[in-house]
Amino acid sequence: MLNFCEIELHWSDVSINTSKSDCIRIGKRYYVGCANIITLDGIALQWRKEIHYLGNYMYIVNSRLFKCSMSKCKRTFF
């Protein structure tokens, strides 16, 4: 699926910034390891247990259901 998206983006002169892109798994089998996702340039995207969203204010966490964490933000506040 990523390759199809990359081809469409390439036709529009847009590319995926692999240094800012990560993978996260959400669903019933979120804890199972996955094979690396390789871009058309041959770069593997990193799998993470959490990814930050909106700077360092909110983190999306891998879990069975979609879940966000603000615990790091709360720790820095106090």
C-alpha atoms as a PDB file:
ATOM      1  CA  MET A   1       0.000   0.000   0.000  1.00  0.00           C
ATOM      2  CA  LEU A   2       2.850   2.374   0.824  1.00  0.00           C
ATOM      3  CA  ASN A   3       4.414   1.746  -2.582  1.00  0.00           C
ATOM      4  CA  PHE A   4       1.176   2.732  -4.350  1.00  0.00           C
ATOM      5  CA  CYS A   5       1.037   5.942  -2.315  1.00  0.00           C
ATOM      6  CA  GLU A   6       4.692   6.676  -3.096  1.00  0.00           C
ATOM      7  CA  ILE A   7       4.093   6.235  -6.844  1.00  0.00           C
ATOM      8  CA  GLU A   8       1.147   8.647  -6.746  1.00  0.00           C
ATOM      9  CA  LEU A   9       3.194  11.151  -4.749  1.00  0.00           C
ATOM     10  CA  HIS A  10       6.099  10.800  -7.185  1.00  0.00           C
ATOM     11  CA  TRP A  11       3.807  11.751 -10.078  1.00  0.00           C
ATOM     12  CA  SER A  12       2.915  14.910  -8.125  1.00  0.00           C
ATOM     13  CA  ASP A  13       6.588  15.699  -7.404  1.00  0.00           C
ATOM     14  CA  VAL A  14       6.148  14.999  -3.682  1.00  0.00           C
ATOM     15  CA  SER A  15       8.090  12.495  -1.589  1.00  0.00           C
ATOM     16  CA  ILE A  16       7.854  10.921   1.871  1.00  0.00           C
ATOM     17  CA  ASN A  17      10.336  12.306   4.389  1.00  0.00           C
ATOM     18  CA  THR A  18      11.638   9.034   5.848  1.00  0.00           C
ATOM     19  CA  SER A  19      13.568  10.812   8.623  1.00  0.00           C
ATOM     20  CA  LYS A  20      10.236  12.049  10.043  1.00  0.00           C
ATOM     21  CA  SER A  21       8.131   8.947   9.287  1.00  0.00           C
ATOM     22  CA  ASP A  22       7.569   6.033  11.665  1.00  0.00           C
ATOM     23  CA  CYS A  23       5.241   3.031  11.832  1.00  0.00           C
ATOM     24  CA  ILE A  24       2.948   2.059  14.680  1.00  0.00           C
ATOM     25  CA  ARG A  25       0.569  -0.868  15.006  1.00  0.00           C
ATOM     26  CA  ILE A  26      -2.929  -0.521  16.467  1.00  0.00           C
ATOM     27  CA  GLY A  27      -5.396  -3.414  16.695  1.00  0.00           C
ATOM     28  CA  LYS A  28      -5.891  -6.909  18.075  1.00  0.00           C
ATOM     29  CA  ARG A  29      -2.321  -8.022  17.306  1.00  0.00           C
ATOM     30  CA  TYR A  30      -0.532  -4.779  18.197  1.00  0.00           C
ATOM     31  CA  TYR A  31       2.110  -6.637  20.245  1.00  0.00           C
ATOM     32  CA  VAL A  32       3.229  -8.911  17.363  1.00  0.00           C
ATOM     33  CA  GLY A  33       6.405  -7.894  15.551  1.00  0.00           C
ATOM     34  CA  CYS A  34       6.048  -6.857  11.916  1.00  0.00           C
ATOM     35  CA  ALA A  35       8.341  -7.017   8.927  1.00  0.00           C
ATOM     36  CA  ASN A  36      10.060  -3.771   8.009  1.00  0.00           C
ATOM     37  CA  ILE A  37       8.289  -1.531   5.545  1.00  0.00           C
ATOM     38  CA  ILE A  38      10.719  -0.534   2.803  1.00  0.00           C
ATOM     39  CA  THR A  39      10.194   2.590   0.697  1.00  0.00           C
ATOM     40  CA  LEU A  40      10.864   2.693  -3.031  1.00  0.00           C
ATOM     41  CA  ASP A  41      14.238   4.306  -2.204  1.00  0.00           C
ATOM     42  CA  GLY A  42      15.196   1.213  -0.157  1.00  0.00           C
ATOM     43  CA  ILE A  43      14.917   2.904   3.256  1.00  0.00           C
ATOM     44  CA  ALA A  44      13.255   0.947   6.079  1.00  0.00           C
ATOM     45  CA  LEU A  45      10.711   2.820   8.202  1.00  0.00           C
ATOM     46  CA  GLN A  46      11.164   2.356  11.960  1.00  0.00           C
ATOM     47  CA  TRP A  47       8.556   0.582  14.115  1.00  0.00           C
ATOM     48  CA  ARG A  48       7.780   2.436  17.347  1.00  0.00           C
ATOM     49  CA  LYS A  49       5.773   1.728  20.497  1.00  0.00           C
ATOM     50  CA  GLU A  50       4.709   5.363  20.559  1.00  0.00           C
ATOM     51  CA  ILE A  51       4.982   8.281  18.175  1.00  0.00           C
ATOM     52  CA  HIS A  52       4.754  11.934  19.017  1.00  0.00           C
ATOM     53  CA  TYR A  53       2.071  14.054  17.450  1.00  0.00           C
ATOM     54  CA  LEU A  54       1.844  17.841  17.579  1.00  0.00           C
ATOM     55  CA  GLY A  55       5.398  18.278  18.775  1.00  0.00           C
ATOM     56  CA  ASN A  56       5.942  16.889  22.255  1.00  0.00           C
ATOM     57  CA  TYR A  57       2.417  17.459  23.527  1.00  0.00           C
ATOM     58  CA  MET A  58       0.661  14.241  22.591  1.00  0.00           C
ATOM     59  CA  TYR A  59       1.838  10.709  21.903  1.00  0.00           C
ATOM     60  CA  ILE A  60      -0.050   8.001  20.030  1.00  0.00           C
ATOM     61  CA  VAL A  61       0.612   4.657  21.712  1.00  0.00           C
ATOM     62  CA  ASN A  62       0.453   1.208  20.134  1.00  0.00           C
ATOM     63  CA  SER A  63      -2.379  -0.720  21.756  1.00  0.00           C
ATOM     64  CA  ARG A  64      -5.491  -2.736  20.997  1.00  0.00           C
ATOM     65  CA  LEU A  65      -7.556   0.444  20.519  1.00  0.00           C
ATOM     66  CA  PHE A  66      -6.517   3.926  19.396  1.00  0.00           C
ATOM     67  CA  LYS A  67      -4.955   5.522  22.449  1.00  0.00           C
ATOM     68  CA  CYS A  68      -3.205   8.821  23.122  1.00  0.00           C
ATOM     69  CA  SER A  69      -0.931   9.619  26.034  1.00  0.00           C
ATOM     70  CA  MET A  70      -0.120  12.998  27.505  1.00  0.00           C
ATOM     71  CA  SER A  71       1.913  11.660  30.448  1.00  0.00           C
ATOM     72  CA  LYS A  72       5.221  13.105  29.206  1.00  0.00           C
ATOM     73  CA  CYS A  73       3.595  16.493  28.801  1.00  0.00           C
ATOM     74  CA  LYS A  74       2.180  16.289  32.334  1.00  0.00           C
ATOM     75  CA  ARG A  75       5.577  15.296  33.789  1.00  0.00           C
ATOM     76  CA  THR A  76       7.291  18.316  32.234  1.00  0.00           C
ATOM     77  CA  PHE A  77       4.544  20.629  33.505  1.00  0.00           C
ATOM     78  CA  PHE A  78       4.960  19.651  37.153  1.00  0.00           C
END
